[in-house]
Amino acid sequence: MKGFAAAAAVVVVWSGFNIVSRLGGRSPLTPYDMAAIRFVFSGLVCLPFVLVRWRRLPWPRLAVLAAFGGLGYALFVYTGFALAPAAHAGILVNGGIPFATALLAWLVLGRRPGLRSEFALLVAGVGIVLIGLHSFGQFAGAPAHQWVGDVCFLLAALCYASFGLLFRHWHVSPLDATIGIAVIAAACYLPAYLLFLPKAIAGVSVSFVLGQGVYQGILAASIAGLLFAYAIHHIGPQRATLMLALVPGLSALAAVPLLGEPLDAVTLAGVMLVTVGAVLGATHQSAR
């Protein structure tokens, strides 16, 4: 039961992440501000653990993981939230990560998925294409630059999929990965942000920054990652991933009352297809 409770908590946190990030994207904050807030809070929370485990951490590997799972993911996803709806993030990021993971594992590692997994990827891919067509203006009502946000969401999914494959391949512990990525990302990004990048953080209240920081840096970046590792340990990766298939649908539904974003027929179809594809992919037995 504890494993399922941990996975359920991750679903809630990651669904809320899409809503909270979209609120930040609608505010005067730039994507660079959003990334800085995330890295400040996660870096401060994880720094004491890094100091204790300093000599035992695999720093070269953590630096590569931070480039994909920390810096690359955050910058792409926050740029996407400034340009595209939260429902699209649920589909293209949360739905795109397993799709990109399977594709990279096949192309780079030679691990071809089984027939059921290939069908699951096809179903999820159709859902992603539907959202892409909507954003590129093939359906009426898509904002002019929404497609740029959707491309950023896909790049964020690609970054996180690369992080996940490297994380498993190198057998880095969940705690080491969480604390190392947080501190490395903060150390690399914050000086560049302070010196060179555009800022609009003065245009929002302190309470807004604190709310974003607690959710982005502590709940989403730090705690949810550890909870997901705990869930995998207790209920296995298939059932844990299956529960994450709920994230796109929950994000899209929550965005209607919380953000006032309409759930049109195309987006709803995309949510359903990606969710079905994710469920099929999460429950498949890999081809031997």
C-alpha atoms as a PDB file:
ATOM      1  CA  MET A   1       0.000   0.000   0.000  1.00  0.00           C
ATOM      2  CA  LYS A   2       2.853   2.392   0.730  1.00  0.00           C
ATOM      3  CA  GLY A   3       4.187   1.976  -2.802  1.00  0.00           C
ATOM      4  CA  PHE A   4       0.808   2.782  -4.336  1.00  0.00           C
ATOM      5  CA  ALA A   5       0.420   5.761  -1.998  1.00  0.00           C
ATOM      6  CA  ALA A   6       3.814   7.078  -3.105  1.00  0.00           C
ATOM      7  CA  ALA A   7       2.916   6.673  -6.787  1.00  0.00           C
ATOM      8  CA  ALA A   8      -0.440   8.385  -6.206  1.00  0.00           C
ATOM      9  CA  ALA A   9       1.359  11.300  -4.557  1.00  0.00           C
ATOM     10  CA  VAL A  10       3.640  11.597  -7.590  1.00  0.00           C
ATOM     11  CA  VAL A  11       0.612  11.684  -9.907  1.00  0.00           C
ATOM     12  CA  VAL A  12      -0.907  14.522  -7.878  1.00  0.00           C
ATOM     13  CA  VAL A  13       2.350  16.501  -7.685  1.00  0.00           C
ATOM     14  CA  TRP A  14       3.196  16.143 -11.376  1.00  0.00           C
ATOM     15  CA  SER A  15      -0.370  16.975 -12.427  1.00  0.00           C
ATOM     16  CA  GLY A  16      -0.231  20.065 -10.240  1.00  0.00           C
ATOM     17  CA  PHE A  17       3.185  20.918 -11.681  1.00  0.00           C
ATOM     18  CA  ASN A  18       1.555  21.516 -15.072  1.00  0.00           C
ATOM     19  CA  ILE A  19      -1.017  23.864 -13.523  1.00  0.00           C
ATOM     20  CA  VAL A  20       1.445  25.774 -11.323  1.00  0.00           C
ATOM     21  CA  SER A  21       3.929  26.136 -14.177  1.00  0.00           C
ATOM     22  CA  ARG A  22       1.232  27.427 -16.533  1.00  0.00           C
ATOM     23  CA  LEU A  23       0.313  30.037 -13.906  1.00  0.00           C
ATOM     24  CA  GLY A  24       3.951  31.069 -13.871  1.00  0.00           C
ATOM     25  CA  GLY A  25       3.992  31.170 -17.660  1.00  0.00           C
ATOM     26  CA  ARG A  26       1.016  33.541 -17.659  1.00  0.00           C
ATOM     27  CA  SER A  27       2.674  35.860 -15.137  1.00  0.00           C
ATOM     28  CA  PRO A  28       5.307  38.506 -15.949  1.00  0.00           C
ATOM     29  CA  LEU A  29       8.005  35.942 -15.095  1.00  0.00           C
ATOM     30  CA  THR A  30      10.242  34.884 -17.966  1.00  0.00           C
ATOM     31  CA  PRO A  31      11.097  31.199 -18.485  1.00  0.00           C
ATOM     32  CA  TYR A  32      14.559  32.107 -17.158  1.00  0.00           C
ATOM     33  CA  ASP A  33      12.974  33.404 -13.948  1.00  0.00           C
ATOM     34  CA  MET A  34      10.993  30.195 -13.557  1.00  0.00           C
ATOM     35  CA  ALA A  35      14.092  28.049 -13.981  1.00  0.00           C
ATOM     36  CA  ALA A  36      16.011  30.216 -11.503  1.00  0.00           C
ATOM     37  CA  ILE A  37      13.269  29.886  -8.884  1.00  0.00           C
ATOM     38  CA  ARG A  38      13.249  26.107  -9.332  1.00  0.00           C
ATOM     39  CA  PHE A  39      17.022  25.799  -9.020  1.00  0.00           C
ATOM     40  CA  VAL A  40      17.349  28.158  -6.036  1.00  0.00           C
ATOM     41  CA  PHE A  41      14.829  26.239  -3.950  1.00  0.00           C
ATOM     42  CA  SER A  42      15.896  22.737  -4.974  1.00  0.00           C
ATOM     43  CA  GLY A  43      19.570  23.644  -4.630  1.00  0.00           C
ATOM     44  CA  LEU A  44      19.142  25.047  -1.128  1.00  0.00           C
ATOM     45  CA  VAL A  45      17.133  22.040   0.031  1.00  0.00           C
ATOM     46  CA  CYS A  46      19.625  19.525  -1.391  1.00  0.00           C
ATOM     47  CA  LEU A  47      22.877  21.329  -0.523  1.00  0.00           C
ATOM     48  CA  PRO A  48      23.158  19.936   3.053  1.00  0.00           C
ATOM     49  CA  PHE A  49      22.841  16.379   1.716  1.00  0.00           C
ATOM     50  CA  VAL A  50      25.497  17.058  -0.911  1.00  0.00           C
ATOM     51  CA  LEU A  51      27.916  18.363   1.723  1.00  0.00           C
ATOM     52  CA  VAL A  52      27.474  15.188   3.766  1.00  0.00           C
ATOM     53  CA  ARG A  53      27.907  12.860   0.754  1.00  0.00           C
ATOM     54  CA  TRP A  54      30.420  15.006  -1.158  1.00  0.00           C
ATOM     55  CA  ARG A  55      33.192  12.417  -1.537  1.00  0.00           C
ATOM     56  CA  ARG A  56      30.859   9.578  -2.517  1.00  0.00           C
ATOM     57  CA  LEU A  57      28.988  11.329  -5.327  1.00  0.00           C
ATOM     58  CA  PRO A  58      29.765  10.358  -8.968  1.00  0.00           C
ATOM     59  CA  TRP A  59      30.275  13.957 -10.101  1.00  0.00           C
ATOM     60  CA  PRO A  60      31.054  13.441 -13.835  1.00  0.00           C
ATOM     61  CA  ARG A  61      27.936  11.355 -14.337  1.00  0.00           C
ATOM     62  CA  LEU A  62      25.830  13.706 -12.243  1.00  0.00           C
ATOM     63  CA  ALA A  63      26.983  16.612 -14.422  1.00  0.00           C
ATOM     64  CA  VAL A  64      25.685  14.860 -17.547  1.00  0.00           C
ATOM     65  CA  LEU A  65      22.433  13.942 -15.808  1.00  0.00           C
ATOM     66  CA  ALA A  66      22.029  17.559 -14.686  1.00  0.00           C
ATOM     67  CA  ALA A  67      22.478  18.794 -18.261  1.00  0.00           C
ATOM     68  CA  PHE A  68      19.530  16.687 -19.434  1.00  0.00           C
ATOM     69  CA  GLY A  69      17.278  16.209 -16.397  1.00  0.00           C
ATOM     70  CA  GLY A  70      18.000  19.556 -14.766  1.00  0.00           C
ATOM     71  CA  LEU A  71      18.950  22.392 -17.098  1.00  0.00           C
ATOM     72  CA  GLY A  72      17.647  21.139 -20.450  1.00  0.00           C
ATOM     73  CA  TYR A  73      14.340  19.874 -19.127  1.00  0.00           C
ATOM     74  CA  ALA A  74      13.582  22.958 -17.038  1.00  0.00           C
ATOM     75  CA  LEU A  75      14.443  25.544 -19.690  1.00  0.00           C
ATOM     76  CA  PHE A  76      12.432  23.809 -22.405  1.00  0.00           C
ATOM     77  CA  VAL A  77       9.410  23.060 -20.235  1.00  0.00           C
ATOM     78  CA  TYR A  78       9.131  26.591 -18.800  1.00  0.00           C
ATOM     79  CA  THR A  79       9.446  28.122 -22.269  1.00  0.00           C
ATOM     80  CA  GLY A  80       6.637  25.816 -23.343  1.00  0.00           C
ATOM     81  CA  PHE A  81       4.403  26.905 -20.479  1.00  0.00           C
ATOM     82  CA  ALA A  82       4.791  30.528 -21.558  1.00  0.00           C
ATOM     83  CA  LEU A  83       3.395  29.708 -25.003  1.00  0.00           C
ATOM     84  CA  ALA A  84       1.088  26.685 -24.828  1.00  0.00           C
ATOM     85  CA  PRO A  85      -1.751  25.357 -22.629  1.00  0.00           C
ATOM     86  CA  ALA A  86      -1.199  23.136 -19.610  1.00  0.00           C
ATOM     87  CA  ALA A  87      -3.184  20.326 -21.262  1.00  0.00           C
ATOM     88  CA  HIS A  88      -0.567  20.196 -24.011  1.00  0.00           C
ATOM     89  CA  ALA A  89       2.186  19.843 -21.416  1.00  0.00           C
ATOM     90  CA  GLY A  90       0.419  16.871 -19.870  1.00  0.00           C
ATOM     91  CA  ILE A  91       0.215  15.196 -23.261  1.00  0.00           C
ATOM     92  CA  LEU A  92       3.506  16.156 -24.867  1.00  0.00           C
ATOM     93  CA  VAL A  93       5.741  16.011 -21.773  1.00  0.00           C
ATOM     94  CA  ASN A  94       4.196  13.294 -19.585  1.00  0.00           C
ATOM     95  CA  GLY A  95       2.972  11.366 -22.624  1.00  0.00           C
ATOM     96  CA  GLY A  96       6.092  12.101 -24.630  1.00  0.00           C
ATOM     97  CA  ILE A  97       8.604  10.853 -22.036  1.00  0.00           C
ATOM     98  CA  PRO A  98       7.741   7.130 -22.340  1.00  0.00           C
ATOM     99  CA  PHE A  99       7.473   7.533 -26.119  1.00  0.00           C
ATOM    100  CA  ALA A 100      10.890   9.207 -26.335  1.00  0.00           C
ATOM    101  CA  THR A 101      12.407   6.708 -23.892  1.00  0.00           C
ATOM    102  CA  ALA A 102      11.333   3.723 -25.978  1.00  0.00           C
ATOM    103  CA  LEU A 103      12.485   5.398 -29.188  1.00  0.00           C
ATOM    104  CA  LEU A 104      15.909   6.298 -27.785  1.00  0.00           C
ATOM    105  CA  ALA A 105      16.336   2.845 -26.253  1.00  0.00           C
ATOM    106  CA  TRP A 106      15.604   1.335 -29.667  1.00  0.00           C
ATOM    107  CA  LEU A 107      17.746   3.676 -31.774  1.00  0.00           C
ATOM    108  CA  VAL A 108      20.681   4.159 -29.395  1.00  0.00           C
ATOM    109  CA  LEU A 109      20.774   0.993 -27.286  1.00  0.00           C
ATOM    110  CA  GLY A 110      19.274  -1.430 -29.789  1.00  0.00           C
ATOM    111  CA  ARG A 111      16.461  -2.446 -27.419  1.00  0.00           C
ATOM    112  CA  ARG A 112      13.555  -2.928 -29.790  1.00  0.00           C
ATOM    113  CA  PRO A 113      10.181  -2.882 -28.014  1.00  0.00           C
ATOM    114  CA  GLY A 114       7.765  -5.785 -28.274  1.00  0.00           C
ATOM    115  CA  LEU A 115       4.702  -5.798 -30.516  1.00  0.00           C
ATOM    116  CA  ARG A 116       2.337  -4.577 -27.786  1.00  0.00           C
ATOM    117  CA  SER A 117       4.757  -1.817 -26.840  1.00  0.00           C
ATOM    118  CA  GLU A 118       5.028  -0.751 -30.486  1.00  0.00           C
ATOM    119  CA  PHE A 119       1.226  -0.561 -30.681  1.00  0.00           C
ATOM    120  CA  ALA A 120       1.159   1.512 -27.490  1.00  0.00           C
ATOM    121  CA  LEU A 121       3.702   3.912 -28.966  1.00  0.00           C
ATOM    122  CA  LEU A 122       1.633   4.189 -32.139  1.00  0.00           C
ATOM    123  CA  VAL A 123      -1.509   5.077 -30.165  1.00  0.00           C
ATOM    124  CA  ALA A 124       0.357   7.646 -28.069  1.00  0.00           C
ATOM    125  CA  GLY A 125       2.032   9.009 -31.183  1.00  0.00           C
ATOM    126  CA  VAL A 126      -1.328   9.632 -32.854  1.00  0.00           C
ATOM    127  CA  GLY A 127      -2.399  11.628 -29.804  1.00  0.00           C
ATOM    128  CA  ILE A 128       0.774  13.707 -29.950  1.00  0.00           C
ATOM    129  CA  VAL A 129       0.291  14.315 -33.694  1.00  0.00           C
ATOM    130  CA  LEU A 130      -3.275  15.497 -33.079  1.00  0.00           C
ATOM    131  CA  ILE A 131      -2.024  18.119 -30.655  1.00  0.00           C
ATOM    132  CA  GLY A 132       0.708  19.094 -33.096  1.00  0.00           C
ATOM    133  CA  LEU A 133      -1.795  19.578 -35.917  1.00  0.00           C
ATOM    134  CA  HIS A 134      -3.954  21.679 -33.616  1.00  0.00           C
ATOM    135  CA  SER A 135      -1.022  23.899 -32.681  1.00  0.00           C
ATOM    136  CA  PHE A 136       0.194  24.325 -36.238  1.00  0.00           C
ATOM    137  CA  GLY A 137      -3.184  25.790 -37.092  1.00  0.00           C
ATOM    138  CA  GLN A 138      -4.729  22.885 -38.975  1.00  0.00           C
ATOM    139  CA  PHE A 139      -7.670  23.284 -36.603  1.00  0.00           C
ATOM    140  CA  ALA A 140      -9.328  26.625 -35.970  1.00  0.00           C
ATOM    141  CA  GLY A 141      -8.476  28.663 -32.926  1.00  0.00           C
ATOM    142  CA  ALA A 142      -4.826  27.768 -32.282  1.00  0.00           C
ATOM    143  CA  PRO A 143      -2.731  30.804 -31.192  1.00  0.00           C
ATOM    144  CA  ALA A 144       0.004  31.814 -33.626  1.00  0.00           C
ATOM    145  CA  HIS A 145       3.024  30.814 -31.520  1.00  0.00           C
ATOM    146  CA  GLN A 146       1.509  27.871 -29.681  1.00  0.00           C
ATOM    147  CA  TRP A 147       3.420  25.422 -31.870  1.00  0.00           C
ATOM    148  CA  VAL A 148       6.722  26.789 -30.519  1.00  0.00           C
ATOM    149  CA  GLY A 149       5.599  25.935 -27.000  1.00  0.00           C
ATOM    150  CA  ASP A 150       4.622  22.434 -28.095  1.00  0.00           C
ATOM    151  CA  VAL A 151       8.026  21.891 -29.715  1.00  0.00           C
ATOM    152  CA  CYS A 152       9.613  22.970 -26.423  1.00  0.00           C
ATOM    153  CA  PHE A 153       7.452  20.448 -24.566  1.00  0.00           C
ATOM    154  CA  LEU A 154       8.660  17.684 -26.895  1.00  0.00           C
ATOM    155  CA  LEU A 155      12.280  18.737 -26.406  1.00  0.00           C
ATOM    156  CA  ALA A 156      11.715  18.692 -22.635  1.00  0.00           C
ATOM    157  CA  ALA A 157      10.371  15.143 -22.938  1.00  0.00           C
ATOM    158  CA  LEU A 158      13.424  14.171 -24.999  1.00  0.00           C
ATOM    159  CA  CYS A 159      15.750  15.634 -22.367  1.00  0.00           C
ATOM    160  CA  TYR A 160      14.020  13.806 -19.532  1.00  0.00           C
ATOM    161  CA  ALA A 161      13.950  10.548 -21.477  1.00  0.00           C
ATOM    162  CA  SER A 162      17.701  10.869 -22.072  1.00  0.00           C
ATOM    163  CA  PHE A 163      18.177  11.530 -18.372  1.00  0.00           C
ATOM    164  CA  GLY A 164      16.140   8.458 -17.452  1.00  0.00           C
ATOM    165  CA  LEU A 165      18.055   6.136 -19.764  1.00  0.00           C
ATOM    166  CA  LEU A 166      21.421   7.374 -18.521  1.00  0.00           C
ATOM    167  CA  PHE A 167      20.238   7.192 -14.913  1.00  0.00           C
ATOM    168  CA  ARG A 168      19.309   3.527 -15.292  1.00  0.00           C
ATOM    169  CA  HIS A 169      22.365   2.682 -17.393  1.00  0.00           C
ATOM    170  CA  TRP A 170      24.789   4.156 -14.848  1.00  0.00           C
ATOM    171  CA  HIS A 171      22.943   2.785 -11.777  1.00  0.00           C
ATOM    172  CA  VAL A 172      23.116   6.096  -9.925  1.00  0.00           C
ATOM    173  CA  SER A 173      21.147   5.993  -6.670  1.00  0.00           C
ATOM    174  CA  PRO A 174      17.912   8.051  -6.598  1.00  0.00           C
ATOM    175  CA  LEU A 175      19.162  10.157  -3.684  1.00  0.00           C
ATOM    176  CA  ASP A 176      22.511  10.902  -5.337  1.00  0.00           C
ATOM    177  CA  ALA A 177      20.802  11.834  -8.599  1.00  0.00           C
ATOM    178  CA  THR A 178      18.256  14.096  -6.905  1.00  0.00           C
ATOM    179  CA  ILE A 179      20.679  16.056  -4.746  1.00  0.00           C
ATOM    180  CA  GLY A 180      23.521  16.131  -7.269  1.00  0.00           C
ATOM    181  CA  ILE A 181      21.395  17.402 -10.142  1.00  0.00           C
ATOM    182  CA  ALA A 182      19.802  20.088  -7.966  1.00  0.00           C
ATOM    183  CA  VAL A 183      23.119  21.511  -6.779  1.00  0.00           C
ATOM    184  CA  ILE A 184      24.946  21.235 -10.123  1.00  0.00           C
ATOM    185  CA  ALA A 185      22.056  22.850 -12.015  1.00  0.00           C
ATOM    186  CA  ALA A 186      21.916  25.712  -9.519  1.00  0.00           C
ATOM    187  CA  ALA A 187      25.690  26.248  -9.601  1.00  0.00           C
ATOM    188  CA  CYS A 188      25.789  26.304 -13.412  1.00  0.00           C
ATOM    189  CA  TYR A 189      22.620  28.236 -14.127  1.00  0.00           C
ATOM    190  CA  LEU A 190      22.284  30.905 -11.455  1.00  0.00           C
ATOM    191  CA  PRO A 191      25.501  32.863 -12.252  1.00  0.00           C
ATOM    192  CA  ALA A 192      24.519  33.038 -15.937  1.00  0.00           C
ATOM    193  CA  TYR A 193      20.983  34.047 -14.983  1.00  0.00           C
ATOM    194  CA  LEU A 194      22.148  36.836 -12.671  1.00  0.00           C
ATOM    195  CA  LEU A 195      24.697  38.218 -15.132  1.00  0.00           C
ATOM    196  CA  PHE A 196      23.212  37.792 -18.588  1.00  0.00           C
ATOM    197  CA  LEU A 197      19.622  36.571 -18.846  1.00  0.00           C
ATOM    198  CA  PRO A 198      16.470  38.742 -18.989  1.00  0.00           C
ATOM    199  CA  LYS A 199      14.551  39.011 -15.731  1.00  0.00           C
ATOM    200  CA  ALA A 200      11.070  40.110 -14.719  1.00  0.00           C
ATOM    201  CA  ILE A 201      10.971  38.701 -11.213  1.00  0.00           C
ATOM    202  CA  ALA A 202      10.452  42.181  -9.743  1.00  0.00           C
ATOM    203  CA  GLY A 203       7.065  42.256 -11.455  1.00  0.00           C
ATOM    204  CA  VAL A 204       5.508  39.613  -9.192  1.00  0.00           C
ATOM    205  CA  SER A 205       4.891  39.443  -5.460  1.00  0.00           C
ATOM    206  CA  VAL A 206       7.162  37.706  -2.973  1.00  0.00           C
ATOM    207  CA  SER A 207       4.340  35.319  -2.088  1.00  0.00           C
ATOM    208  CA  PHE A 208       4.000  34.309  -5.741  1.00  0.00           C
ATOM    209  CA  VAL A 209       7.731  33.588  -5.983  1.00  0.00           C
ATOM    210  CA  LEU A 210       7.636  31.598  -2.740  1.00  0.00           C
ATOM    211  CA  GLY A 211       4.660  29.568  -3.931  1.00  0.00           C
ATOM    212  CA  GLN A 212       6.344  28.770  -7.230  1.00  0.00           C
ATOM    213  CA  GLY A 213       9.597  27.936  -5.465  1.00  0.00           C
ATOM    214  CA  VAL A 214       8.054  25.564  -2.951  1.00  0.00           C
ATOM    215  CA  TYR A 215       6.118  23.701  -5.622  1.00  0.00           C
ATOM    216  CA  GLN A 216       8.698  23.753  -8.414  1.00  0.00           C
ATOM    217  CA  GLY A 217      11.890  23.329  -6.446  1.00  0.00           C
ATOM    218  CA  ILE A 218      10.844  21.266  -3.445  1.00  0.00           C
ATOM    219  CA  LEU A 219       7.712  19.281  -4.339  1.00  0.00           C
ATOM    220  CA  ALA A 220       8.205  18.658  -8.069  1.00  0.00           C
ATOM    221  CA  ALA A 221      11.991  18.627  -8.416  1.00  0.00           C
ATOM    222  CA  SER A 222      13.015  16.952  -5.166  1.00  0.00           C
ATOM    223  CA  ILE A 223      10.292  15.125  -3.250  1.00  0.00           C
ATOM    224  CA  ALA A 224       8.362  13.697  -6.219  1.00  0.00           C
ATOM    225  CA  GLY A 225      11.525  12.182  -7.676  1.00  0.00           C
ATOM    226  CA  LEU A 226      12.314  10.353  -4.459  1.00  0.00           C
ATOM    227  CA  LEU A 227       8.699   9.201  -4.085  1.00  0.00           C
ATOM    228  CA  PHE A 228       8.718   7.776  -7.589  1.00  0.00           C
ATOM    229  CA  ALA A 229      11.898   5.823  -6.852  1.00  0.00           C
ATOM    230  CA  TYR A 230      10.238   4.522  -3.665  1.00  0.00           C
ATOM    231  CA  ALA A 231       7.165   3.450  -5.642  1.00  0.00           C
ATOM    232  CA  ILE A 232       9.268   1.585  -8.198  1.00  0.00           C
ATOM    233  CA  HIS A 233      11.089  -0.227  -5.389  1.00  0.00           C
ATOM    234  CA  HIS A 234       7.864  -1.401  -3.708  1.00  0.00           C
ATOM    235  CA  ILE A 235       5.369  -2.011  -6.541  1.00  0.00           C
ATOM    236  CA  GLY A 236       7.645  -2.345  -9.559  1.00  0.00           C
ATOM    237  CA  PRO A 237       8.256  -0.052 -12.533  1.00  0.00           C
ATOM    238  CA  GLN A 238       5.290  -1.270 -14.615  1.00  0.00           C
ATOM    239  CA  ARG A 239       2.597  -0.502 -12.045  1.00  0.00           C
ATOM    240  CA  ALA A 240       4.286   2.741 -10.975  1.00  0.00           C
ATOM    241  CA  THR A 241       4.463   3.948 -14.580  1.00  0.00           C
ATOM    242  CA  LEU A 242       0.877   2.846 -15.151  1.00  0.00           C
ATOM    243  CA  MET A 243      -0.282   5.262 -12.465  1.00  0.00           C
ATOM    244  CA  LEU A 244       1.635   8.096 -14.144  1.00  0.00           C
ATOM    245  CA  ALA A 245      -0.556   7.570 -17.209  1.00  0.00           C
ATOM    246  CA  LEU A 246      -3.192   9.493 -15.243  1.00  0.00           C
ATOM    247  CA  VAL A 247      -1.148  12.716 -15.336  1.00  0.00           C
ATOM    248  CA  PRO A 248      -2.143  14.016 -18.825  1.00  0.00           C
ATOM    249  CA  GLY A 249      -5.854  13.542 -18.188  1.00  0.00           C
ATOM    250  CA  LEU A 250      -5.768  15.041 -14.700  1.00  0.00           C
ATOM    251  CA  SER A 251      -3.758  18.041 -15.902  1.00  0.00           C
ATOM    252  CA  ALA A 252      -6.129  18.726 -18.779  1.00  0.00           C
ATOM    253  CA  LEU A 253      -9.226  18.396 -16.592  1.00  0.00           C
ATOM    254  CA  ALA A 254      -7.784  20.537 -13.787  1.00  0.00           C
ATOM    255  CA  ALA A 255      -6.794  23.269 -16.253  1.00  0.00           C
ATOM    256  CA  VAL A 256     -10.455  23.882 -17.131  1.00  0.00           C
ATOM    257  CA  PRO A 257     -11.621  25.247 -13.729  1.00  0.00           C
ATOM    258  CA  LEU A 258      -8.238  26.404 -12.398  1.00  0.00           C
ATOM    259  CA  LEU A 259      -6.847  28.115 -15.499  1.00  0.00           C
ATOM    260  CA  GLY A 260      -9.966  28.652 -17.588  1.00  0.00           C
ATOM    261  CA  GLU A 261      -8.393  26.770 -20.495  1.00  0.00           C
ATOM    262  CA  PRO A 262     -11.059  25.124 -22.669  1.00  0.00           C
ATOM    263  CA  LEU A 263     -10.798  21.398 -23.310  1.00  0.00           C
ATOM    264  CA  ASP A 264     -11.668  21.216 -27.011  1.00  0.00           C
ATOM    265  CA  ALA A 265     -12.411  18.010 -28.880  1.00  0.00           C
ATOM    266  CA  VAL A 266      -8.923  17.737 -30.388  1.00  0.00           C
ATOM    267  CA  THR A 267      -7.145  18.130 -27.044  1.00  0.00           C
ATOM    268  CA  LEU A 268      -9.574  15.705 -25.381  1.00  0.00           C
ATOM    269  CA  ALA A 269      -8.905  13.137 -28.112  1.00  0.00           C
ATOM    270  CA  GLY A 270      -5.170  13.630 -27.628  1.00  0.00           C
ATOM    271  CA  VAL A 271      -5.506  13.138 -23.866  1.00  0.00           C
ATOM    272  CA  MET A 272      -7.454   9.918 -24.340  1.00  0.00           C
ATOM    273  CA  LEU A 273      -5.069   8.474 -26.928  1.00  0.00           C
ATOM    274  CA  VAL A 274      -1.916   9.306 -24.972  1.00  0.00           C
ATOM    275  CA  THR A 275      -3.439   7.898 -21.772  1.00  0.00           C
ATOM    276  CA  VAL A 276      -4.451   4.656 -23.511  1.00  0.00           C
ATOM    277  CA  GLY A 277      -1.018   4.401 -25.104  1.00  0.00           C
ATOM    278  CA  ALA A 278       0.698   5.003 -21.779  1.00  0.00           C
ATOM    279  CA  VAL A 279      -1.440   2.344 -20.060  1.00  0.00           C
ATOM    280  CA  LEU A 280      -0.684  -0.203 -22.782  1.00  0.00           C
ATOM    281  CA  GLY A 281       3.007   0.624 -22.666  1.00  0.00           C
ATOM    282  CA  ALA A 282       3.185   0.466 -18.889  1.00  0.00           C
ATOM    283  CA  THR A 283       1.606  -2.992 -18.731  1.00  0.00           C
ATOM    284  CA  HIS A 284       3.420  -4.642 -21.623  1.00  0.00           C
ATOM    285  CA  GLN A 285       5.844  -7.488 -21.216  1.00  0.00           C
ATOM    286  CA  SER A 286       9.056  -6.697 -23.053  1.00  0.00           C
ATOM    287  CA  ALA A 287      10.020  -8.988 -25.867  1.00  0.00           C
ATOM    288  CA  ARG A 288      12.777 -11.333 -24.834  1.00  0.00           C
END
